[in-house]
Amino acid sequence: MGLDAFVYCRCWQDGLATPCPVGPVGYDEDGCLALLRPWEGNKAAHRTFDAWQAEACPHKAMEQANEHVSNWAGVRLFQQALRAAGEHRFPTLAAALPDANGGSLTADQAAVALAELDAFARTARITDEVELIDEATGAVVMQYVEAYRGLFMFGPGFQAGVDPDGFFVLDRADPPVTLFRAVRFGQRPLPGDRVEFTAGGTRTVVAMRPVGEHGEPPPERLAVRTRSRSGGDFAYIVEPLRRLCAASVATGNPVMWY
């Protein structure tokens, strides 16, 4: 689950694709190349269109580019970094990334976004990122995502996460009550899907799975750290966005989010 995007090639627009055996063909209200007939009563024609689109030109599905941009947590972290760096410096990027699947970015906007991506990638210091790490290995277990209010784990009786003040576990009451909070702590799994958290001489038992389990023995000692991040640390999302925007500028077609 996450954000993906594609850019159409120009083969259909420029008459370079093989003729479609059904019609009419055009762009629908969402900007997608489609058979402009209702699905009901035209299912066979739609299947013919789909088969044609898959092989109508040298580009797979008539797409110049198709990229997995990031999972949603990665998108939110990038948006968070843009805000920290100053949205006035990257206004097109800040406005372009969607909050849900769907929508598009015009080729003119993509040209501006390309310049902003280059400037972002060259920035030596973007923001300070809050992370929960396994003290034994240094592996990152959780990251603070402002849009999620730091929450990262959910269960019938609890919700847990990390924020600038530390790792926390809340109950599901309204308003929630803090069951445990610490910047450095130990955890020990107990029978019955319970976990014992210890910090500063305190001991708290919560009915939940261990933090950072992921199919491996969970960390015994965890800590919250703040780490400075540069533009280069966001290559995971900057590079696919750069490829999409470059394809959009080259073809004049929009970036289509999905």
C-alpha atoms as a PDB file:
ATOM      1  CA  MET A   1       0.000   0.000   0.000  1.00  0.00           C
ATOM      2  CA  GLY A   2       1.265   3.425  -0.873  1.00  0.00           C
ATOM      3  CA  LEU A   3       1.518   6.016  -3.623  1.00  0.00           C
ATOM      4  CA  ASP A   4       2.243   5.038  -7.233  1.00  0.00           C
ATOM      5  CA  ALA A   5       2.242   7.115 -10.407  1.00  0.00           C
ATOM      6  CA  PHE A   6       2.626   6.856 -14.160  1.00  0.00           C
ATOM      7  CA  VAL A   7       3.073   9.059 -17.223  1.00  0.00           C
ATOM      8  CA  TYR A   8       1.600   8.141 -20.607  1.00  0.00           C
ATOM      9  CA  CYS A   9       3.825   7.983 -23.668  1.00  0.00           C
ATOM     10  CA  ARG A  10       2.862  10.025 -26.746  1.00  0.00           C
ATOM     11  CA  CYS A  11       2.301   7.094 -29.102  1.00  0.00           C
ATOM     12  CA  TRP A  12      -1.492   7.357 -29.102  1.00  0.00           C
ATOM     13  CA  GLN A  13      -1.481  11.163 -29.344  1.00  0.00           C
ATOM     14  CA  ASP A  14       1.024  11.155 -32.199  1.00  0.00           C
ATOM     15  CA  GLY A  15      -0.670   8.353 -34.168  1.00  0.00           C
ATOM     16  CA  LEU A  16       2.185   5.913 -33.636  1.00  0.00           C
ATOM     17  CA  ALA A  17       0.153   3.241 -31.835  1.00  0.00           C
ATOM     18  CA  THR A  18      -1.612   0.465 -33.687  1.00  0.00           C
ATOM     19  CA  PRO A  19      -5.269   1.328 -34.370  1.00  0.00           C
ATOM     20  CA  CYS A  20      -7.636   0.325 -31.594  1.00  0.00           C
ATOM     21  CA  PRO A  21     -10.189  -2.235 -32.835  1.00  0.00           C
ATOM     22  CA  VAL A  22     -12.928  -0.688 -30.674  1.00  0.00           C
ATOM     23  CA  GLY A  23     -13.935   2.873 -29.950  1.00  0.00           C
ATOM     24  CA  PRO A  24     -14.344   5.620 -29.189  1.00  0.00           C
ATOM     25  CA  VAL A  25     -11.022   6.011 -27.376  1.00  0.00           C
ATOM     26  CA  GLY A  26     -10.061   9.144 -25.443  1.00  0.00           C
ATOM     27  CA  TYR A  27      -9.233  10.577 -22.067  1.00  0.00           C
ATOM     28  CA  ASP A  28     -11.849  10.110 -19.372  1.00  0.00           C
ATOM     29  CA  GLU A  29     -12.730  12.589 -16.619  1.00  0.00           C
ATOM     30  CA  ASP A  30      -9.790  11.346 -14.527  1.00  0.00           C
ATOM     31  CA  GLY A  31      -7.310  11.931 -17.365  1.00  0.00           C
ATOM     32  CA  CYS A  32      -6.860   8.224 -18.143  1.00  0.00           C
ATOM     33  CA  LEU A  33      -6.817   6.869 -21.696  1.00  0.00           C
ATOM     34  CA  ALA A  34      -9.944   4.755 -21.874  1.00  0.00           C
ATOM     35  CA  LEU A  35     -12.676   3.259 -23.975  1.00  0.00           C
ATOM     36  CA  LEU A  36     -15.384   5.896 -23.713  1.00  0.00           C
ATOM     37  CA  ARG A  37     -18.264   3.494 -23.299  1.00  0.00           C
ATOM     38  CA  PRO A  38     -20.061   2.401 -20.125  1.00  0.00           C
ATOM     39  CA  TRP A  39     -18.799  -0.857 -18.622  1.00  0.00           C
ATOM     40  CA  GLU A  40     -22.264  -2.357 -18.468  1.00  0.00           C
ATOM     41  CA  GLY A  41     -23.272  -3.688 -21.850  1.00  0.00           C
ATOM     42  CA  ASN A  42     -19.732  -3.240 -23.232  1.00  0.00           C
ATOM     43  CA  LYS A  43     -17.639  -5.658 -21.195  1.00  0.00           C
ATOM     44  CA  ALA A  44     -16.242  -7.491 -24.229  1.00  0.00           C
ATOM     45  CA  ALA A  45     -15.261  -4.194 -25.850  1.00  0.00           C
ATOM     46  CA  HIS A  46     -13.501  -3.056 -22.671  1.00  0.00           C
ATOM     47  CA  ARG A  47     -11.539  -6.314 -22.545  1.00  0.00           C
ATOM     48  CA  THR A  48     -10.548  -5.779 -26.181  1.00  0.00           C
ATOM     49  CA  PHE A  49      -9.426  -2.234 -25.350  1.00  0.00           C
ATOM     50  CA  ASP A  50      -7.345  -3.450 -22.386  1.00  0.00           C
ATOM     51  CA  ALA A  51      -5.626  -6.072 -24.554  1.00  0.00           C
ATOM     52  CA  TRP A  52      -4.929  -3.450 -27.240  1.00  0.00           C
ATOM     53  CA  GLN A  53      -3.515  -0.925 -24.739  1.00  0.00           C
ATOM     54  CA  ALA A  54      -1.133  -3.528 -23.322  1.00  0.00           C
ATOM     55  CA  GLU A  55       0.593  -4.025 -26.700  1.00  0.00           C
ATOM     56  CA  ALA A  56      -0.358  -1.037 -28.865  1.00  0.00           C
ATOM     57  CA  CYS A  57       3.125   0.482 -28.822  1.00  0.00           C
ATOM     58  CA  PRO A  58       6.654  -0.294 -27.561  1.00  0.00           C
ATOM     59  CA  HIS A  59       5.788   1.107 -24.112  1.00  0.00           C
ATOM     60  CA  LYS A  60       4.172  -1.283 -21.652  1.00  0.00           C
ATOM     61  CA  ALA A  61       0.540  -0.221 -21.135  1.00  0.00           C
ATOM     62  CA  MET A  62       1.389   2.913 -23.183  1.00  0.00           C
ATOM     63  CA  GLU A  63       3.277   4.367 -20.230  1.00  0.00           C
ATOM     64  CA  GLN A  64       6.519   6.312 -20.563  1.00  0.00           C
ATOM     65  CA  ALA A  65       7.162   5.846 -16.838  1.00  0.00           C
ATOM     66  CA  ASN A  66       5.550   3.959 -13.977  1.00  0.00           C
ATOM     67  CA  GLU A  67       6.953   4.227 -10.458  1.00  0.00           C
ATOM     68  CA  HIS A  68       6.186   3.139  -6.933  1.00  0.00           C
ATOM     69  CA  VAL A  69       6.732   6.488  -5.234  1.00  0.00           C
ATOM     70  CA  SER A  70       6.721   5.285  -1.613  1.00  0.00           C
ATOM     71  CA  ASN A  71       4.559   3.741   1.062  1.00  0.00           C
ATOM     72  CA  TRP A  72       2.329   6.284   2.782  1.00  0.00           C
ATOM     73  CA  ALA A  73       4.580   6.619   5.822  1.00  0.00           C
ATOM     74  CA  GLY A  74       7.436   7.538   3.486  1.00  0.00           C
ATOM     75  CA  VAL A  75       5.247  10.103   1.712  1.00  0.00           C
ATOM     76  CA  ARG A  76       4.263  11.647   5.045  1.00  0.00           C
ATOM     77  CA  LEU A  77       7.911  11.799   6.182  1.00  0.00           C
ATOM     78  CA  PHE A  78       8.825  13.582   2.945  1.00  0.00           C
ATOM     79  CA  GLN A  79       5.955  16.049   3.383  1.00  0.00           C
ATOM     80  CA  GLN A  80       7.111  16.564   6.964  1.00  0.00           C
ATOM     81  CA  ALA A  81      10.629  17.298   5.712  1.00  0.00           C
ATOM     82  CA  LEU A  82       9.297  19.789   3.156  1.00  0.00           C
ATOM     83  CA  ARG A  83       7.479  21.660   5.921  1.00  0.00           C
ATOM     84  CA  ALA A  84      10.582  21.637   8.105  1.00  0.00           C
ATOM     85  CA  ALA A  85      12.762  22.925   5.262  1.00  0.00           C
ATOM     86  CA  GLY A  86      10.216  25.621   4.408  1.00  0.00           C
ATOM     87  CA  GLU A  87       7.293  25.085   2.064  1.00  0.00           C
ATOM     88  CA  HIS A  88       8.019  28.484   0.499  1.00  0.00           C
ATOM     89  CA  ARG A  89      11.232  26.956  -0.871  1.00  0.00           C
ATOM     90  CA  PHE A  90       9.438  23.987  -2.453  1.00  0.00           C
ATOM     91  CA  PRO A  91       5.873  25.201  -3.098  1.00  0.00           C
ATOM     92  CA  THR A  92       5.127  22.943  -6.079  1.00  0.00           C
ATOM     93  CA  LEU A  93       6.301  19.789  -4.323  1.00  0.00           C
ATOM     94  CA  ALA A  94       4.452  20.727  -1.149  1.00  0.00           C
ATOM     95  CA  ALA A  95       1.214  21.194  -3.070  1.00  0.00           C
ATOM     96  CA  ALA A  96       1.677  18.387  -5.601  1.00  0.00           C
ATOM     97  CA  LEU A  97       1.938  15.306  -3.414  1.00  0.00           C
ATOM     98  CA  PRO A  98      -1.566  13.955  -2.811  1.00  0.00           C
ATOM     99  CA  ASP A  99      -3.031  12.916   0.525  1.00  0.00           C
ATOM    100  CA  ALA A 100      -4.769   9.941  -1.119  1.00  0.00           C
ATOM    101  CA  ASN A 101      -4.567   7.973  -4.363  1.00  0.00           C
ATOM    102  CA  GLY A 102      -5.759   9.864  -7.435  1.00  0.00           C
ATOM    103  CA  GLY A 103      -5.207  13.202  -9.108  1.00  0.00           C
ATOM    104  CA  SER A 104      -2.447  14.452 -11.360  1.00  0.00           C
ATOM    105  CA  LEU A 105       0.450  16.868 -11.831  1.00  0.00           C
ATOM    106  CA  THR A 106       0.644  18.830 -15.086  1.00  0.00           C
ATOM    107  CA  ALA A 107       3.753  18.847 -17.244  1.00  0.00           C
ATOM    108  CA  ASP A 108       4.307  22.552 -16.453  1.00  0.00           C
ATOM    109  CA  GLN A 109       4.141  21.784 -12.731  1.00  0.00           C
ATOM    110  CA  ALA A 110       6.456  18.799 -13.244  1.00  0.00           C
ATOM    111  CA  ALA A 111       9.099  21.074 -14.781  1.00  0.00           C
ATOM    112  CA  VAL A 112       9.040  23.286 -11.685  1.00  0.00           C
ATOM    113  CA  ALA A 113       8.989  20.249  -9.397  1.00  0.00           C
ATOM    114  CA  LEU A 114      12.127  18.906 -11.099  1.00  0.00           C
ATOM    115  CA  ALA A 115      14.052  22.040 -10.148  1.00  0.00           C
ATOM    116  CA  GLU A 116      12.700  21.860  -6.599  1.00  0.00           C
ATOM    117  CA  LEU A 117      13.692  18.182  -6.300  1.00  0.00           C
ATOM    118  CA  ASP A 118      17.247  19.038  -7.365  1.00  0.00           C
ATOM    119  CA  ALA A 119      17.419  21.859  -4.810  1.00  0.00           C
ATOM    120  CA  PHE A 120      15.988  19.620  -2.088  1.00  0.00           C
ATOM    121  CA  ALA A 121      18.479  16.820  -2.840  1.00  0.00           C
ATOM    122  CA  ARG A 122      21.410  19.271  -2.569  1.00  0.00           C
ATOM    123  CA  THR A 123      20.333  20.620   0.828  1.00  0.00           C
ATOM    124  CA  ALA A 124      22.884  19.611   3.466  1.00  0.00           C
ATOM    125  CA  ARG A 125      20.489  19.731   6.408  1.00  0.00           C
ATOM    126  CA  ILE A 126      16.736  19.380   6.042  1.00  0.00           C
ATOM    127  CA  THR A 127      15.358  18.420   9.445  1.00  0.00           C
ATOM    128  CA  ASP A 128      15.879  16.448  12.644  1.00  0.00           C
ATOM    129  CA  GLU A 129      14.138  13.075  12.572  1.00  0.00           C
ATOM    130  CA  VAL A 130      12.947  11.301  15.719  1.00  0.00           C
ATOM    131  CA  GLU A 131      13.518   7.537  15.699  1.00  0.00           C
ATOM    132  CA  LEU A 132      13.051   4.607  18.046  1.00  0.00           C
ATOM    133  CA  ILE A 133      16.030   2.268  17.722  1.00  0.00           C
ATOM    134  CA  ASP A 134      17.173  -1.131  18.940  1.00  0.00           C
ATOM    135  CA  GLU A 135      20.108  -0.202  21.177  1.00  0.00           C
ATOM    136  CA  ALA A 136      21.922  -3.465  20.462  1.00  0.00           C
ATOM    137  CA  THR A 137      21.971  -3.078  16.674  1.00  0.00           C
ATOM    138  CA  GLY A 138      21.079   0.547  15.967  1.00  0.00           C
ATOM    139  CA  ALA A 139      18.256  -0.646  13.709  1.00  0.00           C
ATOM    140  CA  VAL A 140      15.349   1.780  13.370  1.00  0.00           C
ATOM    141  CA  VAL A 141      12.142   0.315  14.822  1.00  0.00           C
ATOM    142  CA  MET A 142       9.816   3.329  14.436  1.00  0.00           C
ATOM    143  CA  GLN A 143       9.983   6.876  13.097  1.00  0.00           C
ATOM    144  CA  TYR A 144       7.970   9.856  14.242  1.00  0.00           C
ATOM    145  CA  VAL A 145       5.391  10.699  11.583  1.00  0.00           C
ATOM    146  CA  GLU A 146       3.738  13.970  12.507  1.00  0.00           C
ATOM    147  CA  ALA A 147       0.649  13.307  10.360  1.00  0.00           C
ATOM    148  CA  TYR A 148      -0.017  10.127  12.358  1.00  0.00           C
ATOM    149  CA  ARG A 149       0.626  11.911  15.692  1.00  0.00           C
ATOM    150  CA  GLY A 150       3.483   9.449  16.155  1.00  0.00           C
ATOM    151  CA  LEU A 151       1.154   6.459  16.411  1.00  0.00           C
ATOM    152  CA  PHE A 152       2.535   3.281  14.889  1.00  0.00           C
ATOM    153  CA  MET A 153       0.974   0.306  16.691  1.00  0.00           C
ATOM    154  CA  PHE A 154      -2.695  -0.390  17.407  1.00  0.00           C
ATOM    155  CA  GLY A 155      -4.593  -3.045  19.322  1.00  0.00           C
ATOM    156  CA  PRO A 156      -7.954  -3.596  21.018  1.00  0.00           C
ATOM    157  CA  GLY A 157      -6.844  -1.922  24.250  1.00  0.00           C
ATOM    158  CA  PHE A 158      -3.828   0.181  23.313  1.00  0.00           C
ATOM    159  CA  GLN A 159      -2.099   2.417  20.794  1.00  0.00           C
ATOM    160  CA  ALA A 160       1.637   3.040  20.784  1.00  0.00           C
ATOM    161  CA  GLY A 161       4.153   5.169  18.974  1.00  0.00           C
ATOM    162  CA  VAL A 162       7.025   7.598  19.216  1.00  0.00           C
ATOM    163  CA  ASP A 163       7.203  11.399  19.293  1.00  0.00           C
ATOM    164  CA  PRO A 164       9.856  13.985  20.261  1.00  0.00           C
ATOM    165  CA  ASP A 165       9.144  13.256  23.947  1.00  0.00           C
ATOM    166  CA  GLY A 166       9.790   9.519  23.691  1.00  0.00           C
ATOM    167  CA  PHE A 167       8.109   6.178  23.149  1.00  0.00           C
ATOM    168  CA  PHE A 168       4.583   5.957  24.517  1.00  0.00           C
ATOM    169  CA  VAL A 169       1.734   3.518  25.050  1.00  0.00           C
ATOM    170  CA  LEU A 170      -1.828   4.850  25.457  1.00  0.00           C
ATOM    171  CA  ASP A 171      -5.059   3.096  26.307  1.00  0.00           C
ATOM    172  CA  ARG A 172      -8.058   3.439  23.975  1.00  0.00           C
ATOM    173  CA  ALA A 173     -10.165   5.535  26.333  1.00  0.00           C
ATOM    174  CA  ASP A 174     -11.556   8.912  25.299  1.00  0.00           C
ATOM    175  CA  PRO A 175      -9.488  10.852  26.132  1.00  0.00           C
ATOM    176  CA  PRO A 176      -6.632   8.310  26.117  1.00  0.00           C
ATOM    177  CA  VAL A 177      -4.551   7.740  29.235  1.00  0.00           C
ATOM    178  CA  THR A 178      -0.769   7.272  29.062  1.00  0.00           C
ATOM    179  CA  LEU A 179       0.155   3.789  30.272  1.00  0.00           C
ATOM    180  CA  PHE A 180       3.891   4.120  29.666  1.00  0.00           C
ATOM    181  CA  ARG A 181       6.345   6.713  28.343  1.00  0.00           C
ATOM    182  CA  ALA A 182      10.149   6.734  28.218  1.00  0.00           C
ATOM    183  CA  VAL A 183      13.057   7.820  26.036  1.00  0.00           C
ATOM    184  CA  ARG A 184      15.083   4.717  26.965  1.00  0.00           C
ATOM    185  CA  PHE A 185      13.555   1.480  28.195  1.00  0.00           C
ATOM    186  CA  GLY A 186      13.613  -2.289  28.307  1.00  0.00           C
ATOM    187  CA  GLN A 187      10.909  -4.705  27.247  1.00  0.00           C
ATOM    188  CA  ARG A 188      10.289  -8.359  28.068  1.00  0.00           C
ATOM    189  CA  PRO A 189       7.595 -10.521  26.464  1.00  0.00           C
ATOM    190  CA  LEU A 190       5.298 -12.262  28.959  1.00  0.00           C
ATOM    191  CA  PRO A 191       2.866 -15.146  28.465  1.00  0.00           C
ATOM    192  CA  GLY A 192      -0.576 -14.272  27.156  1.00  0.00           C
ATOM    193  CA  ASP A 193       0.562 -11.648  24.616  1.00  0.00           C
ATOM    194  CA  ARG A 194       1.702  -9.199  27.259  1.00  0.00           C
ATOM    195  CA  VAL A 195       4.824  -7.073  27.489  1.00  0.00           C
ATOM    196  CA  GLU A 196       6.672  -5.774  30.531  1.00  0.00           C
ATOM    197  CA  PHE A 197       8.192  -2.320  30.009  1.00  0.00           C
ATOM    198  CA  THR A 198      10.816  -1.025  32.450  1.00  0.00           C
ATOM    199  CA  ALA A 199      12.397   2.408  32.738  1.00  0.00           C
ATOM    200  CA  GLY A 200      13.866   4.412  35.615  1.00  0.00           C
ATOM    201  CA  GLY A 201      12.797   1.883  38.239  1.00  0.00           C
ATOM    202  CA  THR A 202       9.200   1.689  36.973  1.00  0.00           C
ATOM    203  CA  ARG A 203       7.522  -1.440  35.633  1.00  0.00           C
ATOM    204  CA  THR A 204       4.423  -1.465  33.424  1.00  0.00           C
ATOM    205  CA  VAL A 205       2.689  -4.522  31.921  1.00  0.00           C
ATOM    206  CA  VAL A 206       0.535  -3.997  28.829  1.00  0.00           C
ATOM    207  CA  ALA A 207      -1.527  -6.499  26.828  1.00  0.00           C
ATOM    208  CA  MET A 208       0.161  -6.092  23.415  1.00  0.00           C
ATOM    209  CA  ARG A 209       2.790  -7.602  21.144  1.00  0.00           C
ATOM    210  CA  PRO A 210       6.443  -6.612  21.681  1.00  0.00           C
ATOM    211  CA  VAL A 211       7.762  -3.527  19.912  1.00  0.00           C
ATOM    212  CA  GLY A 212       9.880  -4.283  16.843  1.00  0.00           C
ATOM    213  CA  GLU A 213       9.070  -7.989  16.719  1.00  0.00           C
ATOM    214  CA  HIS A 214       8.722  -8.400  12.921  1.00  0.00           C
ATOM    215  CA  GLY A 215       9.128 -12.163  12.995  1.00  0.00           C
ATOM    216  CA  GLU A 216      12.439 -11.961  14.914  1.00  0.00           C
ATOM    217  CA  PRO A 217      13.232 -11.928  18.629  1.00  0.00           C
ATOM    218  CA  PRO A 218      12.164  -8.424  19.770  1.00  0.00           C
ATOM    219  CA  PRO A 219      14.740  -5.898  20.977  1.00  0.00           C
ATOM    220  CA  GLU A 220      15.460  -5.994  24.706  1.00  0.00           C
ATOM    221  CA  ARG A 221      16.613  -2.386  25.024  1.00  0.00           C
ATOM    222  CA  LEU A 222      15.244   0.499  22.988  1.00  0.00           C
ATOM    223  CA  ALA A 223      15.897   4.231  22.905  1.00  0.00           C
ATOM    224  CA  VAL A 224      14.642   7.357  21.167  1.00  0.00           C
ATOM    225  CA  ARG A 225      17.210   9.400  19.273  1.00  0.00           C
ATOM    226  CA  THR A 226      17.146  12.504  17.125  1.00  0.00           C
ATOM    227  CA  ARG A 227      19.172  12.413  13.936  1.00  0.00           C
ATOM    228  CA  SER A 228      19.895  15.205  11.465  1.00  0.00           C
ATOM    229  CA  ARG A 229      18.676  14.445   7.944  1.00  0.00           C
ATOM    230  CA  SER A 230      19.912  15.836   4.630  1.00  0.00           C
ATOM    231  CA  GLY A 231      18.250  15.921   1.253  1.00  0.00           C
ATOM    232  CA  GLY A 232      20.223  12.824   0.282  1.00  0.00           C
ATOM    233  CA  ASP A 233      18.446  10.806   2.972  1.00  0.00           C
ATOM    234  CA  PHE A 234      15.213  11.140   0.982  1.00  0.00           C
ATOM    235  CA  ALA A 235      16.524   9.571  -2.236  1.00  0.00           C
ATOM    236  CA  TYR A 236      13.954   6.777  -1.779  1.00  0.00           C
ATOM    237  CA  ILE A 237      11.232   9.201  -2.887  1.00  0.00           C
ATOM    238  CA  VAL A 238      13.181  11.969  -4.660  1.00  0.00           C
ATOM    239  CA  GLU A 239      14.506   9.611  -7.360  1.00  0.00           C
ATOM    240  CA  PRO A 240      11.163   8.092  -8.461  1.00  0.00           C
ATOM    241  CA  LEU A 241       9.601  11.557  -8.387  1.00  0.00           C
ATOM    242  CA  ARG A 242      12.459  12.858 -10.522  1.00  0.00           C
ATOM    243  CA  ARG A 243      11.949  10.086 -13.102  1.00  0.00           C
ATOM    244  CA  LEU A 244       8.207  10.745 -13.239  1.00  0.00           C
ATOM    245  CA  CYS A 245       8.628  14.505 -13.616  1.00  0.00           C
ATOM    246  CA  ALA A 246      11.283  14.065 -16.317  1.00  0.00           C
ATOM    247  CA  ALA A 247       8.948  11.767 -18.259  1.00  0.00           C
ATOM    248  CA  SER A 248       6.137  14.301 -17.895  1.00  0.00           C
ATOM    249  CA  VAL A 249       8.288  17.144 -19.215  1.00  0.00           C
ATOM    250  CA  ALA A 250       9.522  14.994 -22.131  1.00  0.00           C
ATOM    251  CA  THR A 251       6.032  13.928 -23.216  1.00  0.00           C
ATOM    252  CA  GLY A 252       3.940  16.899 -22.161  1.00  0.00           C
ATOM    253  CA  ASN A 253       1.635  14.435 -20.376  1.00  0.00           C
ATOM    254  CA  PRO A 254       0.724  14.727 -16.696  1.00  0.00           C
ATOM    255  CA  VAL A 255       1.965  12.612 -13.817  1.00  0.00           C
ATOM    256  CA  MET A 256      -1.023  10.470 -12.811  1.00  0.00           C
ATOM    257  CA  TRP A 257      -1.136   9.494  -9.122  1.00  0.00           C
ATOM    258  CA  TYR A 258      -2.749   6.175  -8.218  1.00  0.00           C
END
